[in-house]
Amino acid sequence: MHAVYPDAVYCNTTIGMVGILTNAHCLSPFSAVVPSTKPLTRFGIEEGQQVLLGEERIEIPQCEFSVDLSLGTDYDLSLQSMQAIFLPADYDIRLRHVLHAVETNAKEDDLGPLLTDAKPNQYSELVKPLLPELHAAFRDQNPQGCEASASKIAGIGVGLIPSADRLLCGYMAGYSALSAALGRNYNRVLEMTRALAGASAANTTDLSAAFLLQGGEGLVSEDLFVLLRNVFSDAPYSVLVATANRIAALPLGGGADMLVGVHLALSRLYAENPVD
């Protein structure tokens, strides 16, 4: 067991980091969402405990905790599976709804000031001068430049999943969805996101690295999948707004940082004269 929170626990396995989440969360790659009437910490789950992962069950023998997977429903959270998306005529309006969710939900130490008029903080001040290099690398389709810029950004912030890493996860997701909507070659897109993920994962925490590497493979949370599908469609704004606000209010915090990354990719990587 690697990390334990009241509403989420994460364990290292042979297939990577696997999460057990309460229904306070949406589904994420390599995770299971379970109904729970009490915090997971009250089951006696602690860091360092042995976890047994099987095809139909996850077990933590030391605290007699188990999750039955046999009746669960599998979901494909790969952006490659997103069908029938396109660049809508009201693209700018849809991006403004994402921006509004950041403005409404960002906290004092989030990276919201990179997009909004909020007062800059120490983390946004560190990240801001590094972004033009990242944007340029993606516009030029330069994996080496992507690696160089991402390695400088990764790890900025506090906690097991620093703010800048969440921004990078959102950036990869936004770039991947935009590329799909524009009909770009998927293998070329993966080359860029894998370069970002690999370089940034080497400069941050183990848990954050796991999320970054998943993002590099085009895997996202269910809410982020829904958000991007609604940006690149003619779906009602109400669904887009609700999903954006839900992401921004993630239980572990940092959802606004992810939306900052999404918005930066969608706005800076599709414009005739982008401003960095």
Protein backbone atom coordinates (compact mmCIF):
# COMPACT_ATOMS: atom_id res chain seq x y z
CA MET A 1 0.00 0.00 0.00
CA HIS A 2 1.55 3.26 -1.16
CA ALA A 3 -0.78 6.05 -0.05
CA VAL A 4 -3.91 6.15 2.13
CA TYR A 5 -6.59 8.85 2.20
CA PRO A 6 -10.11 8.77 3.69
CA ASP A 7 -11.67 8.53 0.23
CA ALA A 8 -8.89 6.90 -1.82
CA VAL A 9 -6.03 4.44 -1.38
CA TYR A 10 -3.30 3.63 -3.87
CA CYS A 11 -1.13 0.52 -4.05
CA ASN A 12 1.93 -0.42 -6.08
CA THR A 13 1.39 -3.53 -8.20
CA THR A 14 3.11 -5.32 -11.06
CA ILE A 15 0.83 -3.47 -13.52
CA GLY A 16 1.43 -0.05 -11.97
CA MET A 17 -0.38 2.08 -9.40
CA VAL A 18 -3.90 0.81 -8.67
CA GLY A 19 -6.48 2.89 -6.81
CA ILE A 20 -9.45 1.97 -4.66
CA LEU A 21 -11.75 4.99 -4.59
CA THR A 22 -14.98 5.79 -2.79
CA ASN A 23 -17.88 7.21 -4.76
CA ALA A 24 -16.73 10.69 -3.77
CA HIS A 25 -14.48 10.24 -6.81
CA CYS A 26 -15.17 9.44 -10.42
CA LEU A 27 -13.52 6.43 -12.01
CA SER A 28 -9.84 6.79 -12.93
CA PRO A 29 -7.53 4.54 -14.99
CA PHE A 30 -6.41 1.41 -13.12
CA SER A 31 -8.90 2.00 -10.31
CA ALA A 32 -12.12 0.70 -8.83
CA VAL A 33 -14.86 2.86 -7.33
CA VAL A 34 -16.55 1.21 -4.35
CA PRO A 35 -19.56 2.31 -2.27
CA SER A 36 -18.51 3.09 1.29
CA THR A 37 -20.43 4.52 4.22
CA LYS A 38 -17.27 5.35 6.16
CA PRO A 39 -13.76 6.60 5.37
CA LEU A 40 -11.37 3.98 4.03
CA THR A 41 -8.93 4.83 6.82
CA ARG A 42 -11.42 3.38 9.32
CA PHE A 43 -11.01 -0.09 7.79
CA GLY A 44 -7.49 -0.25 9.20
CA ILE A 45 -5.76 0.30 5.87
CA GLU A 46 -2.24 1.64 6.32
CA GLU A 47 0.74 2.41 4.11
CA GLY A 48 3.11 -0.51 3.69
CA GLN A 49 0.49 -3.25 3.99
CA GLN A 50 0.57 -6.11 1.49
CA VAL A 51 -2.03 -5.96 -1.29
CA LEU A 52 -3.16 -9.00 -3.28
CA LEU A 53 -4.51 -8.16 -6.72
CA GLY A 54 -6.43 -10.79 -8.67
CA GLU A 55 -8.73 -10.77 -11.68
CA GLU A 56 -11.85 -10.81 -9.48
CA ARG A 57 -10.69 -9.46 -6.11
CA ILE A 58 -8.41 -6.96 -4.39
CA GLU A 59 -7.43 -8.01 -0.87
CA ILE A 60 -5.50 -6.45 2.01
CA PRO A 61 -5.05 -9.43 4.36
CA GLN A 62 -3.66 -7.48 7.33
CA CYS A 63 -6.92 -5.61 7.84
CA GLU A 64 -9.27 -8.17 6.26
CA PHE A 65 -10.36 -5.67 3.62
CA SER A 66 -11.38 -6.87 0.17
CA VAL A 67 -13.07 -5.58 -2.97
CA ASP A 68 -15.07 -7.97 -5.15
CA LEU A 69 -14.45 -7.09 -8.81
CA SER A 70 -16.49 -9.92 -10.34
CA LEU A 71 -19.68 -7.87 -10.72
CA GLY A 72 -17.98 -4.62 -11.65
CA THR A 73 -18.41 -2.83 -14.97
CA ASP A 74 -15.36 -2.15 -17.14
CA TYR A 75 -14.95 1.28 -18.75
CA ASP A 76 -12.59 2.34 -21.52
CA LEU A 77 -11.00 5.63 -20.42
CA SER A 78 -8.65 5.93 -23.38
CA LEU A 79 -8.98 9.13 -25.38
CA GLN A 80 -8.40 6.98 -28.47
CA SER A 81 -11.84 5.47 -27.90
CA MET A 82 -13.57 8.87 -28.04
CA GLN A 83 -15.77 8.78 -31.12
CA ALA A 84 -17.42 11.40 -33.36
CA ILE A 85 -15.71 14.46 -31.91
CA PHE A 86 -15.05 17.61 -33.93
CA LEU A 87 -14.10 21.26 -33.55
CA PRO A 88 -17.44 23.01 -32.88
CA ALA A 89 -18.34 26.46 -34.16
CA ASP A 90 -18.75 27.66 -30.56
CA TYR A 91 -15.34 26.35 -29.47
CA ASP A 92 -14.37 29.65 -27.81
CA ILE A 93 -17.59 29.71 -25.79
CA ARG A 94 -16.98 26.19 -24.56
CA LEU A 95 -13.46 27.14 -23.48
CA ARG A 96 -14.88 30.10 -21.56
CA HIS A 97 -17.02 27.70 -19.53
CA VAL A 98 -13.86 25.76 -18.60
CA LEU A 99 -12.16 29.02 -17.65
CA HIS A 100 -15.13 30.03 -15.51
CA ALA A 101 -14.87 26.78 -13.54
CA VAL A 102 -11.24 27.66 -12.77
CA GLU A 103 -12.19 31.19 -11.73
CA THR A 104 -14.95 29.91 -9.48
CA ASN A 105 -13.14 27.00 -7.82
CA ALA A 106 -9.40 27.78 -7.75
CA LYS A 107 -7.85 28.13 -4.31
CA GLU A 108 -5.13 30.45 -3.07
CA ASP A 109 -2.22 28.14 -3.92
CA ASP A 110 -3.64 26.71 -7.16
CA LEU A 111 -2.32 27.62 -10.60
CA GLY A 112 -5.46 29.57 -11.52
CA PRO A 113 -3.48 32.84 -11.82
CA LEU A 114 -1.93 31.44 -15.00
CA LEU A 115 -5.34 32.00 -16.65
CA THR A 116 -7.20 34.47 -14.46
CA ASP A 117 -6.74 37.85 -12.83
CA ALA A 118 -6.23 36.25 -9.42
CA LYS A 119 -3.17 37.34 -7.45
CA PRO A 120 -0.12 35.25 -8.45
CA ASN A 121 1.32 32.85 -5.87
CA GLN A 122 4.75 31.27 -5.52
CA TYR A 123 3.81 28.25 -7.65
CA SER A 124 2.18 30.14 -10.51
CA GLU A 125 5.20 32.49 -10.55
CA LEU A 126 7.53 29.51 -10.95
CA VAL A 127 5.48 27.81 -13.67
CA LYS A 128 4.56 30.85 -15.79
CA PRO A 129 7.98 31.54 -17.40
CA LEU A 130 8.34 27.84 -18.28
CA LEU A 131 5.13 27.57 -20.30
CA PRO A 132 6.22 29.27 -23.58
CA GLU A 133 8.88 26.58 -24.08
CA LEU A 134 6.26 23.86 -23.54
CA HIS A 135 3.81 25.45 -25.98
CA ALA A 136 6.55 25.87 -28.60
CA ALA A 137 7.61 22.23 -28.29
CA PHE A 138 4.06 21.01 -28.91
CA ARG A 139 3.44 23.41 -31.77
CA ASP A 140 6.67 22.29 -33.44
CA GLN A 141 5.97 18.60 -32.70
CA ASN A 142 9.36 18.39 -30.99
CA PRO A 143 9.53 15.50 -28.46
CA GLN A 144 13.00 16.50 -27.26
CA GLY A 145 11.86 20.04 -26.58
CA CYS A 146 8.82 18.63 -24.82
CA GLU A 147 11.04 16.52 -22.56
CA ALA A 148 13.24 19.48 -21.71
CA SER A 149 10.37 21.81 -20.82
CA ALA A 150 8.28 19.21 -18.95
CA SER A 151 11.21 18.20 -16.75
CA LYS A 152 11.50 21.79 -15.54
CA ILE A 153 7.78 22.13 -14.76
CA ALA A 154 7.22 18.77 -13.04
CA GLY A 155 7.17 18.64 -9.27
CA ILE A 156 6.34 22.29 -8.65
CA GLY A 157 3.83 22.52 -5.82
CA VAL A 158 3.19 20.54 -2.66
CA GLY A 159 1.77 17.12 -1.82
CA LEU A 160 1.97 13.70 -3.42
CA ILE A 161 0.47 15.13 -6.62
CA PRO A 162 1.98 18.62 -7.03
CA SER A 163 0.01 21.35 -8.78
CA ALA A 164 2.26 21.50 -11.84
CA ASP A 165 1.88 17.75 -12.41
CA ARG A 166 -1.89 18.07 -12.47
CA LEU A 167 -1.50 20.90 -14.97
CA LEU A 168 0.67 18.64 -17.16
CA CYS A 169 -1.90 15.83 -16.97
CA GLY A 170 -4.60 18.24 -18.11
CA TYR A 171 -2.34 19.59 -20.84
CA MET A 172 -1.71 16.12 -22.28
CA ALA A 173 -5.42 15.31 -22.21
CA GLY A 174 -6.35 18.59 -23.89
CA TYR A 175 -3.69 18.18 -26.57
CA SER A 176 -4.73 14.59 -27.26
CA ALA A 177 -8.43 15.43 -27.59
CA LEU A 178 -7.72 18.48 -29.76
CA SER A 179 -5.50 16.36 -31.98
CA ALA A 180 -8.22 13.73 -32.33
CA ALA A 181 -10.77 16.37 -33.27
CA LEU A 182 -8.37 17.72 -35.92
CA GLY A 183 -7.65 14.24 -37.30
CA ARG A 184 -3.95 14.13 -36.42
CA ASN A 185 -1.98 10.89 -36.51
CA TYR A 186 -2.51 9.14 -33.17
CA ASN A 187 0.97 7.59 -33.01
CA ARG A 188 2.52 11.02 -33.46
CA VAL A 189 0.32 12.37 -30.67
CA LEU A 190 1.42 9.54 -28.38
CA GLU A 191 5.05 10.28 -29.17
CA MET A 192 4.57 13.78 -27.77
CA THR A 193 2.57 12.83 -24.69
CA ARG A 194 4.90 9.94 -23.83
CA ALA A 195 7.86 12.30 -24.07
CA LEU A 196 6.17 14.71 -21.66
CA ALA A 197 5.12 11.95 -19.29
CA GLY A 198 8.49 10.23 -19.18
CA ALA A 199 10.46 13.40 -18.53
CA SER A 200 8.07 14.75 -15.91
CA ALA A 201 7.62 11.40 -14.13
CA ALA A 202 11.35 11.30 -13.44
CA ASN A 203 11.16 14.57 -11.48
CA THR A 204 8.25 14.08 -9.12
CA THR A 205 6.66 11.72 -6.57
CA ASP A 206 5.84 8.06 -7.26
CA LEU A 207 2.07 8.64 -7.11
CA SER A 208 2.22 11.68 -9.35
CA ALA A 209 4.49 9.82 -11.78
CA ALA A 210 1.87 7.08 -12.08
CA PHE A 211 -0.80 9.60 -13.11
CA LEU A 212 1.56 11.31 -15.55
CA LEU A 213 2.52 8.03 -17.22
CA GLN A 214 -1.17 7.11 -17.57
CA GLY A 215 -1.76 10.49 -19.18
CA GLY A 216 1.11 9.84 -21.55
CA GLU A 217 -0.77 6.77 -22.79
CA GLY A 218 -3.93 8.82 -23.40
CA LEU A 219 -5.75 7.60 -20.28
CA VAL A 220 -7.89 10.03 -18.28
CA SER A 221 -10.47 10.03 -15.51
CA GLU A 222 -14.11 9.51 -16.40
CA ASP A 223 -14.98 13.14 -15.65
CA LEU A 224 -12.14 14.46 -17.81
CA PHE A 225 -13.21 12.12 -20.60
CA VAL A 226 -16.76 13.50 -20.40
CA LEU A 227 -15.51 17.10 -20.25
CA LEU A 228 -13.40 16.80 -23.38
CA ARG A 229 -16.12 14.94 -25.26
CA ASN A 230 -18.46 17.83 -24.47
CA VAL A 231 -15.94 20.47 -25.51
CA PHE A 232 -15.56 18.80 -28.90
CA SER A 233 -19.24 18.34 -29.67
CA ASP A 234 -22.52 20.22 -29.78
CA ALA A 235 -23.62 18.90 -26.37
CA PRO A 236 -25.58 21.27 -24.09
CA TYR A 237 -23.45 23.72 -22.13
CA SER A 238 -25.10 22.55 -18.91
CA VAL A 239 -23.31 19.19 -19.06
CA LEU A 240 -19.97 20.85 -19.80
CA VAL A 241 -20.37 23.31 -16.92
CA ALA A 242 -21.41 20.64 -14.43
CA THR A 243 -18.49 18.40 -15.34
CA ALA A 244 -15.94 21.23 -15.24
CA ASN A 245 -17.11 22.29 -11.79
CA ARG A 246 -17.05 18.69 -10.56
CA ILE A 247 -13.44 18.31 -11.70
CA ALA A 248 -12.46 21.61 -10.10
CA ALA A 249 -13.89 20.44 -6.78
CA LEU A 250 -12.02 17.09 -6.63
CA PRO A 251 -11.86 15.70 -3.06
CA LEU A 252 -8.05 15.61 -3.01
CA GLY A 253 -7.83 19.11 -4.42
CA GLY A 254 -5.95 20.23 -7.50
CA GLY A 255 -8.77 19.75 -9.98
CA ALA A 256 -8.59 23.41 -10.93
CA ASP A 257 -4.92 22.88 -11.82
CA MET A 258 -5.92 20.11 -14.21
CA LEU A 259 -8.45 22.40 -15.87
CA VAL A 260 -5.74 25.06 -16.20
CA GLY A 261 -3.68 22.53 -18.14
CA VAL A 262 -6.65 21.55 -20.32
CA HIS A 263 -7.44 25.18 -21.10
CA LEU A 264 -3.82 26.07 -21.85
CA ALA A 265 -3.55 23.23 -24.37
CA LEU A 266 -6.89 23.94 -26.01
CA SER A 267 -6.31 27.68 -26.25
CA ARG A 268 -2.55 27.90 -26.94
CA LEU A 269 -2.28 24.99 -29.37
CA TYR A 270 -5.18 25.99 -31.61
CA ALA A 271 -5.01 29.62 -32.65
CA GLU A 272 -3.53 31.56 -35.56
CA ASN A 273 -1.57 33.85 -33.27
CA PRO A 274 -1.46 32.30 -29.79
CA VAL A 275 -0.23 34.45 -26.94
CA ASP A 276 2.07 32.84 -24.37
